[in-house]
PDB file of N, CA and C in Angstrom:
ATOM      1  N   MET A   1      51.147  54.351  13.077  1.00  0.00           N
ATOM      2  CA  MET A   1      50.404  54.024  11.914  1.00  0.00           C
ATOM      3  C   MET A   1      49.721  53.336  11.465  1.00  0.00           C
ATOM      4  N   SER A   2      48.322  52.929  10.542  1.00  0.00           N
ATOM      5  CA  SER A   2      47.873  51.569  11.255  1.00  0.00           C
ATOM      6  C   SER A   2      48.647  50.708   9.380  1.00  0.00           C
ATOM      7  N   GLU A   3      48.118  49.597  10.500  1.00  0.00           N
ATOM      8  CA  GLU A   3      48.909  48.103   8.764  1.00  0.00           C
ATOM      9  C   GLU A   3      48.024  48.221   8.017  1.00  0.00           C
ATOM     10  N   ILE A   4      48.917  48.213   6.462  1.00  0.00           N
ATOM     11  CA  ILE A   4      48.268  48.359   4.918  1.00  0.00           C
ATOM     12  C   ILE A   4      48.464  46.811   4.714  1.00  0.00           C
ATOM     13  N   GLN A   5      47.181  46.562   4.511  1.00  0.00           N
ATOM     14  CA  GLN A   5      46.437  45.210   4.102  1.00  0.00           C
ATOM     15  C   GLN A   5      46.481  45.191   2.315  1.00  0.00           C
ATOM     16  N   PHE A   6      47.331  44.017   2.018  1.00  0.00           N
ATOM     17  CA  PHE A   6      46.967  43.953   0.170  1.00  0.00           C
ATOM     18  C   PHE A   6      46.397  42.777   0.184  1.00  0.00           C
ATOM     19  N   LYS A   7      44.976  42.023  -0.737  1.00  0.00           N
ATOM     20  CA  LYS A   7      44.442  41.235  -0.284  1.00  0.00           C
ATOM     21  C   LYS A   7      44.245  40.529  -1.517  1.00  0.00           C
ATOM     22  N   ASN A   8      44.076  39.502  -1.749  1.00  0.00           N
ATOM     23  CA  ASN A   8      44.069  38.577  -3.523  1.00  0.00           C
ATOM     24  C   ASN A   8      45.273  39.438  -4.768  1.00  0.00           C
ATOM     25  N   GLY A   9      46.350  40.015  -4.355  1.00  0.00           N
ATOM     26  CA  GLY A   9      47.292  39.807  -5.510  1.00  0.00           C
ATOM     27  C   GLY A   9      47.559  39.191  -6.672  1.00  0.00           C
ATOM     28  N   ASN A  10      47.797  39.980  -7.815  1.00  0.00           N
ATOM     29  CA  ASN A  10      47.387  39.015  -9.422  1.00  0.00           C
ATOM     30  C   ASN A  10      48.968  39.566  -9.596  1.00  0.00           C
ATOM     31  N   GLY A  11      50.283  40.176  -8.870  1.00  0.00           N
ATOM     32  CA  GLY A  11      50.609  40.107 -10.042  1.00  0.00           C
ATOM     33  C   GLY A  11      50.915  41.718 -10.455  1.00  0.00           C
ATOM     34  N   ARG A  12      49.199  42.475 -10.402  1.00  0.00           N
ATOM     35  CA  ARG A  12      49.435  43.718 -11.004  1.00  0.00           C
ATOM     36  C   ARG A  12      48.732  44.626 -10.115  1.00  0.00           C
ATOM     37  N   PHE A  13      48.142  44.393  -9.945  1.00  0.00           N
ATOM     38  CA  PHE A  13      47.628  45.116  -8.760  1.00  0.00           C
ATOM     39  C   PHE A  13      46.401  43.986  -7.147  1.00  0.00           C
ATOM     40  N   SER A  14      46.618  44.824  -5.814  1.00  0.00           N
ATOM     41  CA  SER A  14      45.191  44.082  -5.539  1.00  0.00           C
ATOM     42  C   SER A  14      43.721  44.059  -5.804  1.00  0.00           C
ATOM     43  N   GLU A  15      42.935  42.661  -5.068  1.00  0.00           N
ATOM     44  CA  GLU A  15      42.257  43.198  -5.599  1.00  0.00           C
ATOM     45  C   GLU A  15      41.176  44.119  -4.196  1.00  0.00           C
ATOM     46  N   ALA A  16      41.533  43.821  -3.214  1.00  0.00           N
ATOM     47  CA  ALA A  16      41.431  44.718  -2.153  1.00  0.00           C
ATOM     48  C   ALA A  16      42.118  45.358  -1.409  1.00  0.00           C
ATOM     49  N   VAL A  17      42.446  46.396  -0.786  1.00  0.00           N
ATOM     50  CA  VAL A  17      43.715  47.458  -0.583  1.00  0.00           C
ATOM     51  C   VAL A  17      42.842  47.416   1.071  1.00  0.00           C
ATOM     52  N   ILE A  18      43.419  46.996   2.343  1.00  0.00           N
ATOM     53  CA  ILE A  18      42.836  47.975   3.572  1.00  0.00           C
ATOM     54  C   ILE A  18      43.157  48.729   4.436  1.00  0.00           C
ATOM     55  N   HIS A  19      43.079  49.806   5.120  1.00  0.00           N
ATOM     56  CA  HIS A  19      44.140  50.955   5.797  1.00  0.00           C
ATOM     57  C   HIS A  19      43.019  51.383   6.659  1.00  0.00           C
ATOM     58  N   SER A  20      43.034  51.571   8.136  1.00  0.00           N
ATOM     59  CA  SER A  20      42.453  52.168   8.866  1.00  0.00           C
ATOM     60  C   SER A  20      40.814  52.281   8.773  1.00  0.00           C
ATOM     61  N   GLY A  21      40.673  50.773   8.778  1.00  0.00           N
ATOM     62  CA  GLY A  21      39.249  50.527   8.515  1.00  0.00           C
ATOM     63  C   GLY A  21      38.732  50.491   7.767  1.00  0.00           C
ATOM     64  N   ILE A  22      39.555  50.870   6.173  1.00  0.00           N
ATOM     65  CA  ILE A  22      38.682  51.545   5.327  1.00  0.00           C
ATOM     66  C   ILE A  22      38.700  50.137   3.906  1.00  0.00           C
ATOM     67  N   ILE A  23      37.725  49.900   3.010  1.00  0.00           N
ATOM     68  CA  ILE A  23      38.740  48.825   2.436  1.00  0.00           C
ATOM     69  C   ILE A  23      37.798  49.008   1.024  1.00  0.00           C
ATOM     70  N   TYR A  24      38.713  49.579  -0.165  1.00  0.00           N
ATOM     71  CA  TYR A  24      38.996  50.228  -1.035  1.00  0.00           C
ATOM     72  C   TYR A  24      39.973  48.973  -2.196  1.00  0.00           C
ATOM     73  N   THR A  25      38.437  48.868  -2.910  1.00  0.00           N
ATOM     74  CA  THR A  25      38.861  47.646  -3.793  1.00  0.00           C
ATOM     75  C   THR A  25      39.597  48.259  -6.010  1.00  0.00           C
ATOM     76  N   SER A  26      40.093  47.613  -6.123  1.00  0.00           N
ATOM     77  CA  SER A  26      40.097  47.860  -7.826  1.00  0.00           C
ATOM     78  C   SER A  26      38.576  47.671  -8.101  1.00  0.00           C
ATOM     79  N   GLY A  27      39.071  48.303  -9.592  1.00  0.00           N
ATOM     80  CA  GLY A  27      37.949  48.448 -10.614  1.00  0.00           C
ATOM     81  C   GLY A  27      37.486  46.915 -11.097  1.00  0.00           C
ATOM     82  N   ILE A  28      36.860  46.794 -10.816  1.00  0.00           N
ATOM     83  CA  ILE A  28      35.935  44.920 -10.930  1.00  0.00           C
ATOM     84  C   ILE A  28      35.118  44.873 -11.985  1.00  0.00           C
ATOM     85  N   VAL A  29      35.686  44.213 -12.780  1.00  0.00           N
ATOM     86  CA  VAL A  29      34.571  43.910 -14.399  1.00  0.00           C
ATOM     87  C   VAL A  29      33.606  42.100 -14.069  1.00  0.00           C
ATOM     88  N   GLY A  30      33.010  41.828 -14.204  1.00  0.00           N
ATOM     89  CA  GLY A  30      32.060  40.705 -14.616  1.00  0.00           C
ATOM     90  C   GLY A  30      32.737  39.755 -14.794  1.00  0.00           C
ATOM     91  N   ASP A  31      32.097  38.862 -14.892  1.00  0.00           N
ATOM     92  CA  ASP A  31      32.775  37.029 -15.398  1.00  0.00           C
ATOM     93  C   ASP A  31      33.022  36.576 -16.743  1.00  0.00           C
ATOM     94  N   THR A  32      32.038  37.263 -17.276  1.00  0.00           N
ATOM     95  CA  THR A  32      31.335  36.373 -18.423  1.00  0.00           C
ATOM     96  C   THR A  32      31.496  38.197 -19.836  1.00  0.00           C
ATOM     97  N   PRO A  33      32.509  38.125 -20.108  1.00  0.00           N
ATOM     98  CA  PRO A  33      32.987  38.987 -21.001  1.00  0.00           C
ATOM     99  C   PRO A  33      32.122  38.631 -22.130  1.00  0.00           C
ATOM    100  N   GLY A  34      31.548  39.823 -22.866  1.00  0.00           N
ATOM    101  CA  GLY A  34      30.684  39.471 -23.746  1.00  0.00           C
ATOM    102  C   GLY A  34      29.317  39.290 -23.317  1.00  0.00           C
ATOM    103  N   ALA A  35      28.949  39.530 -21.996  1.00  0.00           N
ATOM    104  CA  ALA A  35      27.908  39.256 -21.495  1.00  0.00           C
ATOM    105  C   ALA A  35      26.892  40.669 -21.946  1.00  0.00           C
ATOM    106  N   ASP A  36      25.725  40.749 -21.307  1.00  0.00           N
ATOM    107  CA  ASP A  36      25.136  42.372 -21.475  1.00  0.00           C
ATOM    108  C   ASP A  36      25.692  42.732 -19.941  1.00  0.00           C
ATOM    109  N   ALA A  37      25.664  44.362 -19.823  1.00  0.00           N
ATOM    110  CA  ALA A  37      25.600  45.054 -18.583  1.00  0.00           C
ATOM    111  C   ALA A  37      24.937  44.382 -17.335  1.00  0.00           C
ATOM    112  N   SER A  38      23.545  43.690 -17.815  1.00  0.00           N
ATOM    113  CA  SER A  38      22.620  43.610 -16.452  1.00  0.00           C
ATOM    114  C   SER A  38      23.930  42.223 -15.572  1.00  0.00           C
ATOM    115  N   LEU A  39      23.743  41.346 -16.608  1.00  0.00           N
ATOM    116  CA  LEU A  39      24.888  40.501 -16.167  1.00  0.00           C
ATOM    117  C   LEU A  39      26.150  40.284 -15.259  1.00  0.00           C
ATOM    118  N   GLN A  40      26.879  41.348 -15.864  1.00  0.00           N
ATOM    119  CA  GLN A  40      28.083  41.674 -15.843  1.00  0.00           C
ATOM    120  C   GLN A  40      27.646  42.307 -14.049  1.00  0.00           C
ATOM    121  N   THR A  41      27.293  43.338 -13.678  1.00  0.00           N
ATOM    122  CA  THR A  41      26.508  44.095 -13.185  1.00  0.00           C
ATOM    123  C   THR A  41      26.403  42.658 -11.779  1.00  0.00           C
ATOM    124  N   LYS A  42      25.616  42.202 -11.822  1.00  0.00           N
ATOM    125  CA  LYS A  42      25.129  41.573 -10.640  1.00  0.00           C
ATOM    126  C   LYS A  42      26.361  40.277 -10.300  1.00  0.00           C
ATOM    127  N   GLU A  43      27.261  39.940 -11.910  1.00  0.00           N
ATOM    128  CA  GLU A  43      28.301  39.223 -11.123  1.00  0.00           C
ATOM    129  C   GLU A  43      29.593  40.450 -10.377  1.00  0.00           C
ATOM    130  N   ILE A  44      29.086  41.566 -10.644  1.00  0.00           N
ATOM    131  CA  ILE A  44      30.459  42.609 -10.062  1.00  0.00           C
ATOM    132  C   ILE A  44      29.646  42.935  -8.263  1.00  0.00           C
ATOM    133  N   LEU A  45      28.815  42.786  -8.303  1.00  0.00           N
ATOM    134  CA  LEU A  45      28.129  42.828  -7.050  1.00  0.00           C
ATOM    135  C   LEU A  45      28.103  41.442  -6.006  1.00  0.00           C
ATOM    136  N   ALA A  46      28.132  40.550  -6.648  1.00  0.00           N
ATOM    137  CA  ALA A  46      28.202  39.332  -5.879  1.00  0.00           C
ATOM    138  C   ALA A  46      29.902  38.858  -5.373  1.00  0.00           C
ATOM    139  N   HIS A  47      30.946  39.675  -6.262  1.00  0.00           N
ATOM    140  CA  HIS A  47      32.798  40.154  -5.917  1.00  0.00           C
ATOM    141  C   HIS A  47      32.738  40.870  -4.726  1.00  0.00           C
ATOM    142  N   PHE A  48      31.682  41.958  -4.407  1.00  0.00           N
ATOM    143  CA  PHE A  48      31.761  43.167  -3.302  1.00  0.00           C
ATOM    144  C   PHE A  48      30.752  42.181  -2.468  1.00  0.00           C
ATOM    145  N   ASP A  49      30.245  41.211  -2.575  1.00  0.00           N
ATOM    146  CA  ASP A  49      29.507  40.841  -1.068  1.00  0.00           C
ATOM    147  C   ASP A  49      30.814  39.662  -1.179  1.00  0.00           C
ATOM    148  N   ARG A  50      31.335  38.896  -1.986  1.00  0.00           N
ATOM    149  CA  ARG A  50      32.428  38.499  -1.023  1.00  0.00           C
ATOM    150  C   ARG A  50      33.570  39.076  -0.446  1.00  0.00           C
ATOM    151  N   ILE A  51      33.920  39.958  -1.287  1.00  0.00           N
ATOM    152  CA  ILE A  51      34.861  40.792  -0.440  1.00  0.00           C
ATOM    153  C   ILE A  51      34.527  41.386   0.900  1.00  0.00           C
ATOM    154  N   LEU A  52      33.106  42.142   1.038  1.00  0.00           N
ATOM    155  CA  LEU A  52      32.869  42.427   2.336  1.00  0.00           C
ATOM    156  C   LEU A  52      32.308  41.898   3.124  1.00  0.00           C
ATOM    157  N   ALA A  53      32.347  40.732   2.846  1.00  0.00           N
ATOM    158  CA  ALA A  53      32.474  39.372   4.221  1.00  0.00           C
ATOM    159  C   ALA A  53      33.497  38.707   4.712  1.00  0.00           C
ATOM    160  N   GLU A  54      34.683  39.277   3.351  1.00  0.00           N
ATOM    161  CA  GLU A  54      35.957  38.791   3.833  1.00  0.00           C
ATOM    162  C   GLU A  54      36.068  38.937   4.883  1.00  0.00           C
ATOM    163  N   ASN A  55      36.004  41.022   4.732  1.00  0.00           N
ATOM    164  CA  ASN A  55      36.677  41.874   5.557  1.00  0.00           C
ATOM    165  C   ASN A  55      35.727  42.127   6.591  1.00  0.00           C
ATOM    166  N   HIS A  56      35.238  41.749   6.978  1.00  0.00           N
ATOM    167  CA  HIS A  56      34.604  42.403   8.522  1.00  0.00           C
ATOM    168  C   HIS A  56      33.669  43.338   7.928  1.00  0.00           C
ATOM    169  N   SER A  57      32.963  43.209   6.822  1.00  0.00           N
ATOM    170  CA  SER A  57      32.370  44.511   6.660  1.00  0.00           C
ATOM    171  C   SER A  57      30.907  44.105   5.968  1.00  0.00           C
ATOM    172  N   ASP A  58      29.776  45.243   5.606  1.00  0.00           N
ATOM    173  CA  ASP A  58      28.559  44.641   4.887  1.00  0.00           C
ATOM    174  C   ASP A  58      28.357  46.059   4.503  1.00  0.00           C
ATOM    175  N   ARG A  59      27.186  45.434   3.617  1.00  0.00           N
ATOM    176  CA  ARG A  59      26.314  46.132   2.277  1.00  0.00           C
ATOM    177  C   ARG A  59      26.128  47.988   3.543  1.00  0.00           C
ATOM    178  N   LYS A  60      25.554  47.968   4.948  1.00  0.00           N
ATOM    179  CA  LYS A  60      25.992  49.404   5.185  1.00  0.00           C
ATOM    180  C   LYS A  60      26.807  49.423   5.858  1.00  0.00           C
ATOM    181  N   HIS A  61      27.473  49.176   5.126  1.00  0.00           N
ATOM    182  CA  HIS A  61      28.886  50.088   5.657  1.00  0.00           C
ATOM    183  C   HIS A  61      29.882  50.909   3.931  1.00  0.00           C
ATOM    184  N   ILE A  62      28.908  50.292   3.041  1.00  0.00           N
ATOM    185  CA  ILE A  62      29.752  50.677   2.192  1.00  0.00           C
ATOM    186  C   ILE A  62      29.615  52.379   2.074  1.00  0.00           C
ATOM    187  N   LEU A  63      30.597  52.491   1.321  1.00  0.00           N
ATOM    188  CA  LEU A  63      30.874  54.223   1.699  1.00  0.00           C
ATOM    189  C   LEU A  63      30.560  55.495   0.085  1.00  0.00           C
ATOM    190  N   ASP A  64      30.950  54.051  -1.021  1.00  0.00           N
ATOM    191  CA  ASP A  64      30.970  54.785  -2.702  1.00  0.00           C
ATOM    192  C   ASP A  64      30.912  53.363  -3.026  1.00  0.00           C
ATOM    193  N   LEU A  65      30.731  53.919  -4.708  1.00  0.00           N
ATOM    194  CA  LEU A  65      30.904  53.171  -5.481  1.00  0.00           C
ATOM    195  C   LEU A  65      31.099  54.336  -6.606  1.00  0.00           C
ATOM    196  N   THR A  66      31.690  53.646  -7.633  1.00  0.00           N
ATOM    197  CA  THR A  66      32.127  54.727  -9.014  1.00  0.00           C
ATOM    198  C   THR A  66      32.198  53.425  -9.586  1.00  0.00           C
ATOM    199  N   VAL A  67      30.987  54.018 -10.464  1.00  0.00           N
ATOM    200  CA  VAL A  67      30.745  53.385 -11.719  1.00  0.00           C
ATOM    201  C   VAL A  67      31.558  53.691 -12.638  1.00  0.00           C
ATOM    202  N   ILE A  68      32.123  52.933 -13.795  1.00  0.00           N
ATOM    203  CA  ILE A  68      32.269  53.025 -15.305  1.00  0.00           C
ATOM    204  C   ILE A  68      31.315  52.686 -16.344  1.00  0.00           C
ATOM    205  N   ILE A  69      31.310  52.956 -17.816  1.00  0.00           N
ATOM    206  CA  ILE A  69      29.702  53.031 -18.462  1.00  0.00           C
ATOM    207  C   ILE A  69      30.301  52.903 -19.887  1.00  0.00           C
ATOM    208  N   PRO A  70      31.220  52.007 -20.904  1.00  0.00           N
ATOM    209  CA  PRO A  70      30.768  52.313 -21.742  1.00  0.00           C
ATOM    210  C   PRO A  70      30.556  53.357 -22.878  1.00  0.00           C
ATOM    211  N   ASP A  71      29.345  52.371 -22.547  1.00  0.00           N
ATOM    212  CA  ASP A  71      27.615  53.589 -23.309  1.00  0.00           C
ATOM    213  C   ASP A  71      26.613  53.492 -22.215  1.00  0.00           C
ATOM    214  N   ILE A  72      26.948  54.423 -21.824  1.00  0.00           N
ATOM    215  CA  ILE A  72      26.148  55.476 -21.017  1.00  0.00           C
ATOM    216  C   ILE A  72      25.191  55.205 -21.413  1.00  0.00           C
ATOM    217  N   ARG A  73      24.291  55.675 -21.959  1.00  0.00           N
ATOM    218  CA  ARG A  73      23.199  55.656 -22.883  1.00  0.00           C
ATOM    219  C   ARG A  73      22.763  54.754 -23.246  1.00  0.00           C
ATOM    220  N   LYS A  74      23.138  53.409 -23.074  1.00  0.00           N
ATOM    221  CA  LYS A  74      22.847  52.571 -23.267  1.00  0.00           C
ATOM    222  C   LYS A  74      22.389  51.436 -21.792  1.00  0.00           C
ATOM    223  N   ASN A  75      23.734  51.774 -20.990  1.00  0.00           N
ATOM    224  CA  ASN A  75      23.127  50.873 -19.782  1.00  0.00           C
ATOM    225  C   ASN A  75      22.953  51.427 -18.705  1.00  0.00           C
ATOM    226  N   VAL A  76      23.092  52.807 -18.504  1.00  0.00           N
ATOM    227  CA  VAL A  76      23.074  53.930 -17.555  1.00  0.00           C
ATOM    228  C   VAL A  76      21.846  53.184 -16.349  1.00  0.00           C
ATOM    229  N   ASN A  77      20.744  52.489 -17.120  1.00  0.00           N
ATOM    230  CA  ASN A  77      19.379  52.280 -16.038  1.00  0.00           C
ATOM    231  C   ASN A  77      19.968  51.314 -15.866  1.00  0.00           C
ATOM    232  N   VAL A  78      19.676  50.473 -16.593  1.00  0.00           N
ATOM    233  CA  VAL A  78      19.573  49.209 -15.834  1.00  0.00           C
ATOM    234  C   VAL A  78      20.835  48.711 -15.185  1.00  0.00           C
ATOM    235  N   VAL A  79      21.875  49.376 -15.286  1.00  0.00           N
ATOM    236  CA  VAL A  79      23.204  49.063 -13.786  1.00  0.00           C
ATOM    237  C   VAL A  79      22.429  49.890 -13.323  1.00  0.00           C
ATOM    238  N   GLY A  80      22.051  51.243 -12.813  1.00  0.00           N
ATOM    239  CA  GLY A  80      21.964  51.601 -12.249  1.00  0.00           C
ATOM    240  C   GLY A  80      20.411  51.149 -11.288  1.00  0.00           C
ATOM    241  N   ASP A  81      19.970  50.303 -12.112  1.00  0.00           N
ATOM    242  CA  ASP A  81      18.231  49.841 -11.091  1.00  0.00           C
ATOM    243  C   ASP A  81      18.722  48.381 -10.505  1.00  0.00           C
ATOM    244  N   ILE A  82      19.976  48.018 -10.645  1.00  0.00           N
ATOM    245  CA  ILE A  82      20.492  46.569 -10.929  1.00  0.00           C
ATOM    246  C   ILE A  82      21.204  46.999  -8.999  1.00  0.00           C
ATOM    247  N   ILE A  83      21.982  48.133  -9.330  1.00  0.00           N
ATOM    248  CA  ILE A  83      22.325  48.793  -8.099  1.00  0.00           C
ATOM    249  C   ILE A  83      21.941  49.489  -6.658  1.00  0.00           C
ATOM    250  N   ASN A  84      20.630  49.914  -7.099  1.00  0.00           N
ATOM    251  CA  ASN A  84      20.030  50.567  -6.810  1.00  0.00           C
ATOM    252  C   ASN A  84      19.297  49.365  -5.589  1.00  0.00           C
ATOM    253  N   ALA A  85      18.668  47.854  -6.279  1.00  0.00           N
ATOM    254  CA  ALA A  85      17.874  46.937  -5.358  1.00  0.00           C
ATOM    255  C   ALA A  85      19.195  46.229  -4.805  1.00  0.00           C
ATOM    256  N   TRP A  86      20.813  46.438  -4.612  1.00  0.00           N
ATOM    257  CA  TRP A  86      21.593  45.740  -4.353  1.00  0.00           C
ATOM    258  C   TRP A  86      21.819  46.416  -2.926  1.00  0.00           C
ATOM    259  N   VAL A  87      21.735  47.658  -2.714  1.00  0.00           N
ATOM    260  CA  VAL A  87      22.252  48.495  -1.941  1.00  0.00           C
ATOM    261  C   VAL A  87      21.685  48.742  -0.650  1.00  0.00           C
ATOM    262  N   ASN A  88      21.785  48.915   0.487  1.00  0.00           N
ATOM    263  CA  ASN A  88      21.242  49.203   1.548  1.00  0.00           C
ATOM    264  C   ASN A  88      20.429  50.173   1.464  1.00  0.00           C
ATOM    265  N   GLN A  89      19.183  49.965   1.443  1.00  0.00           N
ATOM    266  CA  GLN A  89      18.340  51.569   1.733  1.00  0.00           C
ATOM    267  C   GLN A  89      18.409  52.333   2.997  1.00  0.00           C
ATOM    268  N   ASP A  90      19.107  51.954   3.649  1.00  0.00           N
ATOM    269  CA  ASP A  90      19.548  52.616   5.008  1.00  0.00           C
ATOM    270  C   ASP A  90      20.207  53.488   5.093  1.00  0.00           C
ATOM    271  N   ALA A  91      21.161  52.814   4.139  1.00  0.00           N
ATOM    272  CA  ALA A  91      22.914  53.583   4.269  1.00  0.00           C
ATOM    273  C   ALA A  91      23.087  53.450   2.686  1.00  0.00           C
ATOM    274  N   LEU A  92      22.276  54.764   1.753  1.00  0.00           N
ATOM    275  CA  LEU A  92      23.030  54.546   0.369  1.00  0.00           C
ATOM    276  C   LEU A  92      24.427  55.177   0.343  1.00  0.00           C
ATOM    277  N   PRO A  93      24.957  54.414  -0.049  1.00  0.00           N
ATOM    278  CA  PRO A  93      26.489  55.306  -0.558  1.00  0.00           C
ATOM    279  C   PRO A  93      26.433  56.352  -1.633  1.00  0.00           C
ATOM    280  N   ALA A  94      27.276  56.848  -1.652  1.00  0.00           N
ATOM    281  CA  ALA A  94      28.401  58.078  -2.039  1.00  0.00           C
ATOM    282  C   ALA A  94      27.895  57.444  -3.651  1.00  0.00           C
ATOM    283  N   ARG A  95      27.732  57.977  -5.155  1.00  0.00           N
ATOM    284  CA  ARG A  95      27.525  57.122  -6.321  1.00  0.00           C
ATOM    285  C   ARG A  95      28.593  58.250  -7.057  1.00  0.00           C
ATOM    286  N   PHE A  96      29.727  57.636  -7.852  1.00  0.00           N
ATOM    287  CA  PHE A  96      30.079  58.545  -9.207  1.00  0.00           C
ATOM    288  C   PHE A  96      29.813  57.738 -10.364  1.00  0.00           C
ATOM    289  N   THR A  97      29.137  58.218 -11.616  1.00  0.00           N
ATOM    290  CA  THR A  97      28.475  57.511 -12.692  1.00  0.00           C
ATOM    291  C   THR A  97      29.651  58.108 -14.244  1.00  0.00           C
ATOM    292  N   TYR A  98      30.569  57.586 -14.451  1.00  0.00           N
ATOM    293  CA  TYR A  98      30.525  58.438 -15.627  1.00  0.00           C
ATOM    294  C   TYR A  98      30.596  57.078 -16.972  1.00  0.00           C
ATOM    295  N   GLN A  99      31.128  57.641 -18.357  1.00  0.00           N
ATOM    296  CA  GLN A  99      30.923  57.208 -19.476  1.00  0.00           C
ATOM    297  C   GLN A  99      32.924  56.835 -19.544  1.00  0.00           C
ATOM    298  N   GLY A 100      33.389  55.936 -19.957  1.00  0.00           N
ATOM    299  CA  GLY A 100      34.276  56.172 -20.240  1.00  0.00           C
ATOM    300  C   GLY A 100      34.867  54.337 -20.546  1.00  0.00           C
ATOM    301  N   LEU A 101      36.083  54.531 -21.807  1.00  0.00           N
ATOM    302  CA  LEU A 101      36.884  53.041 -22.210  1.00  0.00           C
ATOM    303  C   LEU A 101      37.123  52.458 -21.303  1.00  0.00           C
ATOM    304  N   LEU A 102      36.443  50.409 -21.425  1.00  0.00           N
ATOM    305  CA  LEU A 102      37.520  49.579 -20.548  1.00  0.00           C
ATOM    306  C   LEU A 102      38.498  49.724 -21.707  1.00  0.00           C
ATOM    307  N   VAL A 103      39.078  48.356 -20.583  1.00  0.00           N
ATOM    308  CA  VAL A 103      40.274  48.044 -21.329  1.00  0.00           C
ATOM    309  C   VAL A 103      39.360  46.882 -22.417  1.00  0.00           C
ATOM    310  N   SER A 104      39.242  45.901 -22.305  1.00  0.00           N
ATOM    311  CA  SER A 104      38.512  46.044 -23.477  1.00  0.00           C
ATOM    312  C   SER A 104      36.808  45.482 -23.925  1.00  0.00           C
ATOM    313  N   PRO A 105      36.212  45.711 -25.101  1.00  0.00           N
ATOM    314  CA  PRO A 105      35.107  45.685 -25.402  1.00  0.00           C
ATOM    315  C   PRO A 105      34.058  44.984 -25.372  1.00  0.00           C
ATOM    316  N   LEU A 106      34.636  43.661 -24.278  1.00  0.00           N
ATOM    317  CA  LEU A 106      33.678  42.941 -24.261  1.00  0.00           C
ATOM    318  C   LEU A 106      33.361  43.148 -22.752  1.00  0.00           C
ATOM    319  N   TRP A 107      33.626  44.443 -22.069  1.00  0.00           N
ATOM    320  CA  TRP A 107      33.642  44.460 -20.874  1.00  0.00           C
ATOM    321  C   TRP A 107      32.243  45.842 -20.900  1.00  0.00           C
ATOM    322  N   ASN A 108      31.032  45.570 -20.382  1.00  0.00           N
ATOM    323  CA  ASN A 108      29.928  46.871 -20.293  1.00  0.00           C
ATOM    324  C   ASN A 108      29.672  47.648 -19.065  1.00  0.00           C
ATOM    325  N   VAL A 109      30.751  46.888 -17.628  1.00  0.00           N
ATOM    326  CA  VAL A 109      30.583  48.223 -16.744  1.00  0.00           C
ATOM    327  C   VAL A 109      31.750  47.610 -15.360  1.00  0.00           C
ATOM    328  N   GLU A 110      32.339  48.697 -15.542  1.00  0.00           N
ATOM    329  CA  GLU A 110      33.768  48.403 -14.307  1.00  0.00           C
ATOM    330  C   GLU A 110      33.375  49.327 -13.248  1.00  0.00           C
ATOM    331  N   ILE A 111      33.419  48.984 -12.225  1.00  0.00           N
ATOM    332  CA  ILE A 111      32.876  49.061 -10.226  1.00  0.00           C
ATOM    333  C   ILE A 111      34.333  48.984  -9.653  1.00  0.00           C
ATOM    334  N   SER A 112      34.356  50.159  -8.844  1.00  0.00           N
ATOM    335  CA  SER A 112      35.115  49.833  -7.845  1.00  0.00           C
ATOM    336  C   SER A 112      34.342  50.564  -6.426  1.00  0.00           C
ATOM    337  N   MET A 113      34.697  50.426  -5.182  1.00  0.00           N
ATOM    338  CA  MET A 113      33.389  50.791  -4.110  1.00  0.00           C
ATOM    339  C   MET A 113      35.421  50.821  -3.161  1.00  0.00           C
ATOM    340  N   ARG A 114      34.518  51.168  -2.279  1.00  0.00           N
ATOM    341  CA  ARG A 114      35.114  51.981  -0.526  1.00  0.00           C
ATOM    342  C   ARG A 114      33.847  51.429  -0.044  1.00  0.00           C
ATOM    343  N   ALA A 115      34.543  50.883   1.378  1.00  0.00           N
ATOM    344  CA  ALA A 115      33.434  50.614   2.780  1.00  0.00           C
ATOM    345  C   ALA A 115      34.733  50.355   3.849  1.00  0.00           C
ATOM    346  N   ALA A 116      33.160  50.333   4.698  1.00  0.00           N
ATOM    347  CA  ALA A 116      34.306  51.157   6.054  1.00  0.00           C
ATOM    348  C   ALA A 116      33.778  49.320   6.992  1.00  0.00           C
ATOM    349  N   GLN A 117      34.681  48.377   7.421  1.00  0.00           N
ATOM    350  CA  GLN A 117      34.567  47.492   7.952  1.00  0.00           C
ATOM    351  C   GLN A 117      33.778  47.681   9.371  1.00  0.00           C
ATOM    352  N   LYS A 118      33.386  47.195   9.888  1.00  0.00           N
ATOM    353  CA  LYS A 118      31.901  47.405  10.995  1.00  0.00           C
ATOM    354  C   LYS A 118      32.971  47.224  12.471  1.00  0.00           C
ATOM    355  N   SER A 119      32.993  47.465  13.185  1.00  0.00           N
ATOM    356  CA  SER A 119      33.636  48.498  14.360  1.00  0.00           C
ATOM    357  C   SER A 119      33.527  46.289  15.587  1.00  0.00           C
TER     358      SER A 119
END
């Protein structure tokens, strides 16, 4: 059985868990509470770039993204356009986007990711 690695735990959850060459992230929110969905999405994707680099992966190895947006009618296109510009166009991940309440009304988007490590 493969070892399970728990990365950047904070006492409640791990930022990422790696098992059998797959990186699973927790839901990530932006660094700027109250900022618009555009800035928060860019901040989240910067976290993903760091997580991928730290764990021997890259955007080409992203398997899927799960996107939660509290006000989907207002922000789905903004968030979607930023993600579309960020992902590798030759390796488009699966994506699931839905409307849901987040822990704080100061967050306009939360995203989790699964990615494969490079061989």
